Amino acid sequence: MFYFVYFNSSSYKSVYDIVHLLEEICQKKGVEVKVNWLYKEGDVDIREIGEALAEAIKVPFSISPVG
């Protein structure tokens, strides 16, 4: 589960690497993984980053606002 209050390009690279590693584990080991991307309601930037990651990988991805 990921929940970010602040996010920059360096953070994006690190998170992308982690999510990509999860994708590789799913494919090679047959392990089920799902990413739960939480963002503060109204934070469009973090929501859009989650949406971009969801499109870039082949792992089940849930994007949800939190109050």
PDB file of N, CA and C in Angstrom:
ATOM      1  N   MET A   1       0.852  -1.157   0.000  1.00  0.00           N
ATOM      2  CA  MET A   1       0.000   0.000   0.000  1.00  0.00           C
ATOM      3  C   MET A   1       0.902   1.225   0.000  1.00  0.00           C
ATOM      4  N   PHE A   2       0.563   2.177  -0.823  1.00  0.00           N
ATOM      5  CA  PHE A   2       1.294   3.438  -0.877  1.00  0.00           C
ATOM      6  C   PHE A   2       0.358   4.572  -0.502  1.00  0.00           C
ATOM      7  N   TYR A   3       0.815   5.482   0.349  1.00  0.00           N
ATOM      8  CA  TYR A   3       0.065   6.691   0.677  1.00  0.00           C
ATOM      9  C   TYR A   3       1.084   7.820   0.809  1.00  0.00           C
ATOM     10  N   PHE A   4       1.003   8.796  -0.068  1.00  0.00           N
ATOM     11  CA  PHE A   4       1.969   9.879  -0.085  1.00  0.00           C
ATOM     12  C   PHE A   4       1.294  11.213   0.197  1.00  0.00           C
ATOM     13  N   VAL A   5       1.991  12.030   0.970  1.00  0.00           N
ATOM     14  CA  VAL A   5       1.558  13.400   1.200  1.00  0.00           C
ATOM     15  C   VAL A   5       2.347  14.323   0.282  1.00  0.00           C
ATOM     16  N   TYR A   6       3.599  13.955   0.034  1.00  0.00           N
ATOM     17  CA  TYR A   6       4.481  14.728  -0.827  1.00  0.00           C
ATOM     18  C   TYR A   6       5.170  13.769  -1.791  1.00  0.00           C
ATOM     19  N   PHE A   7       5.368  14.220  -3.017  1.00  0.00           N
ATOM     20  CA  PHE A   7       5.946  13.353  -4.038  1.00  0.00           C
ATOM     21  C   PHE A   7       6.730  14.209  -5.012  1.00  0.00           C
ATOM     22  N   ASN A   8       7.962  13.788  -5.348  1.00  0.00           N
ATOM     23  CA  ASN A   8       8.751  14.518  -6.336  1.00  0.00           C
ATOM     24  C   ASN A   8       9.327  13.532  -7.350  1.00  0.00           C
ATOM     25  N   SER A   9      10.127  14.007  -8.273  1.00  0.00           N
ATOM     26  CA  SER A   9      10.633  13.131  -9.333  1.00  0.00           C
ATOM     27  C   SER A   9      11.549  12.040  -8.781  1.00  0.00           C
ATOM     28  N   SER A  10      12.288  12.337  -7.745  1.00  0.00           N
ATOM     29  CA  SER A  10      13.139  11.329  -7.121  1.00  0.00           C
ATOM     30  C   SER A  10      12.282  10.239  -6.470  1.00  0.00           C
ATOM     31  N   SER A  11      11.210  10.652  -5.820  1.00  0.00           N
ATOM     32  CA  SER A  11      10.275   9.693  -5.218  1.00  0.00           C
ATOM     33  C   SER A  11       9.657   8.816  -6.299  1.00  0.00           C
ATOM     34  N   TYR A  12       9.277   9.439  -7.410  1.00  0.00           N
ATOM     35  CA  TYR A  12       8.661   8.687  -8.506  1.00  0.00           C
ATOM     36  C   TYR A  12       9.578   7.564  -8.986  1.00  0.00           C
ATOM     37  N   LYS A  13      10.842   7.877  -9.177  1.00  0.00           N
ATOM     38  CA  LYS A  13      11.800   6.876  -9.654  1.00  0.00           C
ATOM     39  C   LYS A  13      11.890   5.712  -8.675  1.00  0.00           C
ATOM     40  N   SER A  14      11.975   6.006  -7.406  1.00  0.00           N
ATOM     41  CA  SER A  14      12.069   4.951  -6.390  1.00  0.00           C
ATOM     42  C   SER A  14      10.812   4.090  -6.352  1.00  0.00           C
ATOM     43  N   VAL A  15       9.662   4.727  -6.378  1.00  0.00           N
ATOM     44  CA  VAL A  15       8.399   3.979  -6.346  1.00  0.00           C
ATOM     45  C   VAL A  15       8.236   3.174  -7.625  1.00  0.00           C
ATOM     46  N   TYR A  16       8.583   3.744  -8.767  1.00  0.00           N
ATOM     47  CA  TYR A  16       8.499   3.011 -10.027  1.00  0.00           C
ATOM     48  C   TYR A  16       9.368   1.752  -9.961  1.00  0.00           C
ATOM     49  N   ASP A  17      10.579   1.886  -9.428  1.00  0.00           N
ATOM     50  CA  ASP A  17      11.474   0.729  -9.307  1.00  0.00           C
ATOM     51  C   ASP A  17      10.863  -0.357  -8.430  1.00  0.00           C
ATOM     52  N   ILE A  18      10.249   0.033  -7.317  1.00  0.00           N
ATOM     53  CA  ILE A  18       9.614  -0.941  -6.420  1.00  0.00           C
ATOM     54  C   ILE A  18       8.456  -1.635  -7.114  1.00  0.00           C
ATOM     55  N   VAL A  19       7.601  -0.861  -7.756  1.00  0.00           N
ATOM     56  CA  VAL A  19       6.431  -1.433  -8.423  1.00  0.00           C
ATOM     57  C   VAL A  19       6.859  -2.328  -9.586  1.00  0.00           C
ATOM     58  N   HIS A  20       7.890  -1.920 -10.300  1.00  0.00           N
ATOM     59  CA  HIS A  20       8.405  -2.741 -11.397  1.00  0.00           C
ATOM     60  C   HIS A  20       8.967  -4.060 -10.856  1.00  0.00           C
ATOM     61  N   LEU A  21       9.628  -4.013  -9.719  1.00  0.00           N
ATOM     62  CA  LEU A  21      10.126  -5.231  -9.080  1.00  0.00           C
ATOM     63  C   LEU A  21       8.969  -6.147  -8.685  1.00  0.00           C
ATOM     64  N   LEU A  22       7.897  -5.588  -8.168  1.00  0.00           N
ATOM     65  CA  LEU A  22       6.705  -6.380  -7.845  1.00  0.00           C
ATOM     66  C   LEU A  22       6.145  -7.056  -9.096  1.00  0.00           C
ATOM     67  N   GLU A  23       6.151  -6.325 -10.191  1.00  0.00           N
ATOM     68  CA  GLU A  23       5.677  -6.872 -11.464  1.00  0.00           C
ATOM     69  C   GLU A  23       6.531  -8.071 -11.877  1.00  0.00           C
ATOM     70  N   GLU A  24       7.841  -7.949 -11.753  1.00  0.00           N
ATOM     71  CA  GLU A  24       8.742  -9.057 -12.104  1.00  0.00           C
ATOM     72  C   GLU A  24       8.495 -10.272 -11.210  1.00  0.00           C
ATOM     73  N   ILE A  25       8.290 -10.040  -9.927  1.00  0.00           N
ATOM     74  CA  ILE A  25       8.012 -11.143  -9.000  1.00  0.00           C
ATOM     75  C   ILE A  25       6.732 -11.858  -9.408  1.00  0.00           C
ATOM     76  N   CYS A  26       5.718 -11.102  -9.761  1.00  0.00           N
ATOM     77  CA  CYS A  26       4.448 -11.702 -10.197  1.00  0.00           C
ATOM     78  C   CYS A  26       4.664 -12.603 -11.409  1.00  0.00           C
ATOM     79  N   GLN A  27       5.413 -12.100 -12.368  1.00  0.00           N
ATOM     80  CA  GLN A  27       5.609 -12.837 -13.609  1.00  0.00           C
ATOM     81  C   GLN A  27       6.505 -14.056 -13.420  1.00  0.00           C
ATOM     82  N   LYS A  28       7.573 -13.936 -12.653  1.00  0.00           N
ATOM     83  CA  LYS A  28       8.545 -15.024 -12.517  1.00  0.00           C
ATOM     84  C   LYS A  28       8.146 -16.056 -11.480  1.00  0.00           C
ATOM     85  N   LYS A  29       7.526 -15.619 -10.395  1.00  0.00           N
ATOM     86  CA  LYS A  29       7.220 -16.520  -9.287  1.00  0.00           C
ATOM     87  C   LYS A  29       5.741 -16.905  -9.218  1.00  0.00           C
ATOM     88  N   GLY A  30       4.908 -16.227  -9.992  1.00  0.00           N
ATOM     89  CA  GLY A  30       3.484 -16.518  -9.956  1.00  0.00           C
ATOM     90  C   GLY A  30       2.808 -16.043  -8.680  1.00  0.00           C
ATOM     91  N   VAL A  31       3.412 -15.084  -8.001  1.00  0.00           N
ATOM     92  CA  VAL A  31       2.862 -14.543  -6.766  1.00  0.00           C
ATOM     93  C   VAL A  31       1.864 -13.441  -7.113  1.00  0.00           C
ATOM     94  N   GLU A  32       0.739 -13.435  -6.408  1.00  0.00           N
ATOM     95  CA  GLU A  32      -0.258 -12.389  -6.637  1.00  0.00           C
ATOM     96  C   GLU A  32       0.087 -11.155  -5.814  1.00  0.00           C
ATOM     97  N   VAL A  33       0.099 -10.017  -6.494  1.00  0.00           N
ATOM     98  CA  VAL A  33       0.392  -8.738  -5.858  1.00  0.00           C
ATOM     99  C   VAL A  33      -0.635  -7.729  -6.338  1.00  0.00           C
ATOM    100  N   LYS A  34      -1.070  -6.861  -5.442  1.00  0.00           N
ATOM    101  CA  LYS A  34      -1.952  -5.769  -5.822  1.00  0.00           C
ATOM    102  C   LYS A  34      -1.431  -4.504  -5.157  1.00  0.00           C
ATOM    103  N   VAL A  35      -1.337  -3.430  -5.923  1.00  0.00           N
ATOM    104  CA  VAL A  35      -0.908  -2.143  -5.390  1.00  0.00           C
ATOM    105  C   VAL A  35      -2.155  -1.346  -5.014  1.00  0.00           C
ATOM    106  N   ASN A  36      -2.189  -0.873  -3.772  1.00  0.00           N
ATOM    107  CA  ASN A  36      -3.249   0.022  -3.311  1.00  0.00           C
ATOM    108  C   ASN A  36      -2.645   1.412  -3.189  1.00  0.00           C
ATOM    109  N   TRP A  37      -3.022   2.296  -4.104  1.00  0.00           N
ATOM    110  CA  TRP A  37      -2.476   3.654  -4.149  1.00  0.00           C
ATOM    111  C   TRP A  37      -3.494   4.589  -3.513  1.00  0.00           C
ATOM    112  N   LEU A  38      -3.137   5.133  -2.352  1.00  0.00           N
ATOM    113  CA  LEU A  38      -4.038   6.032  -1.630  1.00  0.00           C
ATOM    114  C   LEU A  38      -3.524   7.460  -1.751  1.00  0.00           C
ATOM    115  N   TYR A  39      -4.440   8.385  -1.911  1.00  0.00           N
ATOM    116  CA  TYR A  39      -4.065   9.798  -1.998  1.00  0.00           C
ATOM    117  C   TYR A  39      -5.094  10.629  -1.254  1.00  0.00           C
ATOM    118  N   LYS A  40      -4.649  11.765  -0.742  1.00  0.00           N
ATOM    119  CA  LYS A  40      -5.552  12.653  -0.034  1.00  0.00           C
ATOM    120  C   LYS A  40      -6.601  13.170  -1.005  1.00  0.00           C
ATOM    121  N   GLU A  41      -7.844  13.071  -0.592  1.00  0.00           N
ATOM    122  CA  GLU A  41      -8.939  13.515  -1.450  1.00  0.00           C
ATOM    123  C   GLU A  41      -8.679  14.944  -1.927  1.00  0.00           C
ATOM    124  N   GLY A  42      -8.760  15.142  -3.226  1.00  0.00           N
ATOM    125  CA  GLY A  42      -8.515  16.448  -3.825  1.00  0.00           C
ATOM    126  C   GLY A  42      -7.089  16.657  -4.312  1.00  0.00           C
ATOM    127  N   ASP A  43      -6.178  15.747  -3.988  1.00  0.00           N
ATOM    128  CA  ASP A  43      -4.782  15.869  -4.431  1.00  0.00           C
ATOM    129  C   ASP A  43      -4.639  15.249  -5.824  1.00  0.00           C
ATOM    130  N   VAL A  44      -4.906  16.048  -6.807  1.00  0.00           N
ATOM    131  CA  VAL A  44      -4.925  15.602  -8.197  1.00  0.00           C
ATOM    132  C   VAL A  44      -3.550  15.117  -8.658  1.00  0.00           C
ATOM    133  N   ASP A  45      -2.496  15.781  -8.215  1.00  0.00           N
ATOM    134  CA  ASP A  45      -1.145  15.403  -8.654  1.00  0.00           C
ATOM    135  C   ASP A  45      -0.792  13.974  -8.239  1.00  0.00           C
ATOM    136  N   ILE A  46      -1.011  13.643  -6.995  1.00  0.00           N
ATOM    137  CA  ILE A  46      -0.664  12.291  -6.524  1.00  0.00           C
ATOM    138  C   ILE A  46      -1.585  11.258  -7.171  1.00  0.00           C
ATOM    139  N   ARG A  47      -2.866  11.616  -7.356  1.00  0.00           N
ATOM    140  CA  ARG A  47      -3.778  10.694  -8.046  1.00  0.00           C
ATOM    141  C   ARG A  47      -3.288  10.414  -9.462  1.00  0.00           C
ATOM    142  N   GLU A  48      -2.890  11.453 -10.186  1.00  0.00           N
ATOM    143  CA  GLU A  48      -2.421  11.283 -11.562  1.00  0.00           C
ATOM    144  C   GLU A  48      -1.123  10.477 -11.643  1.00  0.00           C
ATOM    145  N   ILE A  49      -0.254  10.625 -10.650  1.00  0.00           N
ATOM    146  CA  ILE A  49       0.965   9.815 -10.615  1.00  0.00           C
ATOM    147  C   ILE A  49       0.590   8.342 -10.467  1.00  0.00           C
ATOM    148  N   GLY A  50      -0.352   8.054  -9.594  1.00  0.00           N
ATOM    149  CA  GLY A  50      -0.832   6.682  -9.437  1.00  0.00           C
ATOM    150  C   GLY A  50      -1.428   6.150 -10.726  1.00  0.00           C
ATOM    151  N   GLU A  51      -2.196   6.963 -11.411  1.00  0.00           N
ATOM    152  CA  GLU A  51      -2.798   6.549 -12.677  1.00  0.00           C
ATOM    153  C   GLU A  51      -1.721   6.244 -13.718  1.00  0.00           C
ATOM    154  N   ALA A  52      -0.679   7.062 -13.764  1.00  0.00           N
ATOM    155  CA  ALA A  52       0.415   6.825 -14.718  1.00  0.00           C
ATOM    156  C   ALA A  52       1.140   5.520 -14.402  1.00  0.00           C
ATOM    157  N   LEU A  53       1.393   5.270 -13.128  1.00  0.00           N
ATOM    158  CA  LEU A  53       2.035   4.009 -12.745  1.00  0.00           C
ATOM    159  C   LEU A  53       1.154   2.818 -13.094  1.00  0.00           C
ATOM    160  N   ALA A  54      -0.138   2.952 -12.847  1.00  0.00           N
ATOM    161  CA  ALA A  54      -1.069   1.860 -13.134  1.00  0.00           C
ATOM    162  C   ALA A  54      -1.046   1.493 -14.617  1.00  0.00           C
ATOM    163  N   GLU A  55      -0.888   2.487 -15.468  1.00  0.00           N
ATOM    164  CA  GLU A  55      -0.832   2.234 -16.913  1.00  0.00           C
ATOM    165  C   GLU A  55       0.507   1.645 -17.342  1.00  0.00           C
ATOM    166  N   ALA A  56       1.560   1.916 -16.565  1.00  0.00           N
ATOM    167  CA  ALA A  56       2.911   1.506 -16.954  1.00  0.00           C
ATOM    168  C   ALA A  56       3.250   0.065 -16.566  1.00  0.00           C
ATOM    169  N   ILE A  57       2.466  -0.526 -15.691  1.00  0.00           N
ATOM    170  CA  ILE A  57       2.792  -1.876 -15.222  1.00  0.00           C
ATOM    171  C   ILE A  57       1.614  -2.823 -15.407  1.00  0.00           C
ATOM    172  N   LYS A  58       1.897  -4.103 -15.240  1.00  0.00           N
ATOM    173  CA  LYS A  58       0.863  -5.129 -15.410  1.00  0.00           C
ATOM    174  C   LYS A  58       0.587  -5.827 -14.087  1.00  0.00           C
ATOM    175  N   VAL A  59       0.340  -5.041 -13.066  1.00  0.00           N
ATOM    176  CA  VAL A  59      -0.008  -5.540 -11.735  1.00  0.00           C
ATOM    177  C   VAL A  59      -1.358  -4.931 -11.395  1.00  0.00           C
ATOM    178  N   PRO A  60      -2.260  -5.690 -10.772  1.00  0.00           N
ATOM    179  CA  PRO A  60      -3.529  -5.084 -10.347  1.00  0.00           C
ATOM    180  C   PRO A  60      -3.266  -3.847  -9.497  1.00  0.00           C
ATOM    181  N   PHE A  61      -3.989  -2.782  -9.773  1.00  0.00           N
ATOM    182  CA  PHE A  61      -3.713  -1.478  -9.185  1.00  0.00           C
ATOM    183  C   PHE A  61      -5.018  -0.840  -8.772  1.00  0.00           C
ATOM    184  N   SER A  62      -5.131  -0.449  -7.522  1.00  0.00           N
ATOM    185  CA  SER A  62      -6.310   0.235  -7.016  1.00  0.00           C
ATOM    186  C   SER A  62      -5.906   1.647  -6.609  1.00  0.00           C
ATOM    187  N   ILE A  63      -6.693   2.636  -7.033  1.00  0.00           N
ATOM    188  CA  ILE A  63      -6.411   4.038  -6.703  1.00  0.00           C
ATOM    189  C   ILE A  63      -7.623   4.585  -5.961  1.00  0.00           C
ATOM    190  N   SER A  64      -7.390   5.036  -4.713  1.00  0.00           N
ATOM    191  CA  SER A  64      -8.518   5.469  -3.874  1.00  0.00           C
ATOM    192  C   SER A  64      -8.177   6.722  -3.085  1.00  0.00           C
ATOM    193  N   PRO A  65      -9.150   7.654  -2.994  1.00  0.00           N
ATOM    194  CA  PRO A  65      -8.948   8.818  -2.142  1.00  0.00           C
ATOM    195  C   PRO A  65      -9.228   8.449  -0.674  1.00  0.00           C
ATOM    196  N   VAL A  66      -8.555   9.165   0.212  1.00  0.00           N
ATOM    197  CA  VAL A  66      -8.840   9.033   1.639  1.00  0.00           C
ATOM    198  C   VAL A  66      -9.160  10.411   2.178  1.00  0.00           C
ATOM    199  N   GLY A  67     -10.095  10.444   3.130  1.00  0.00           N
ATOM    200  CA  GLY A  67     -10.592  11.681   3.704  1.00  0.00           C
ATOM    201  C   GLY A  67      -9.551  12.529   4.293  1.00  0.00           C
TER     202      GLY A  67
END
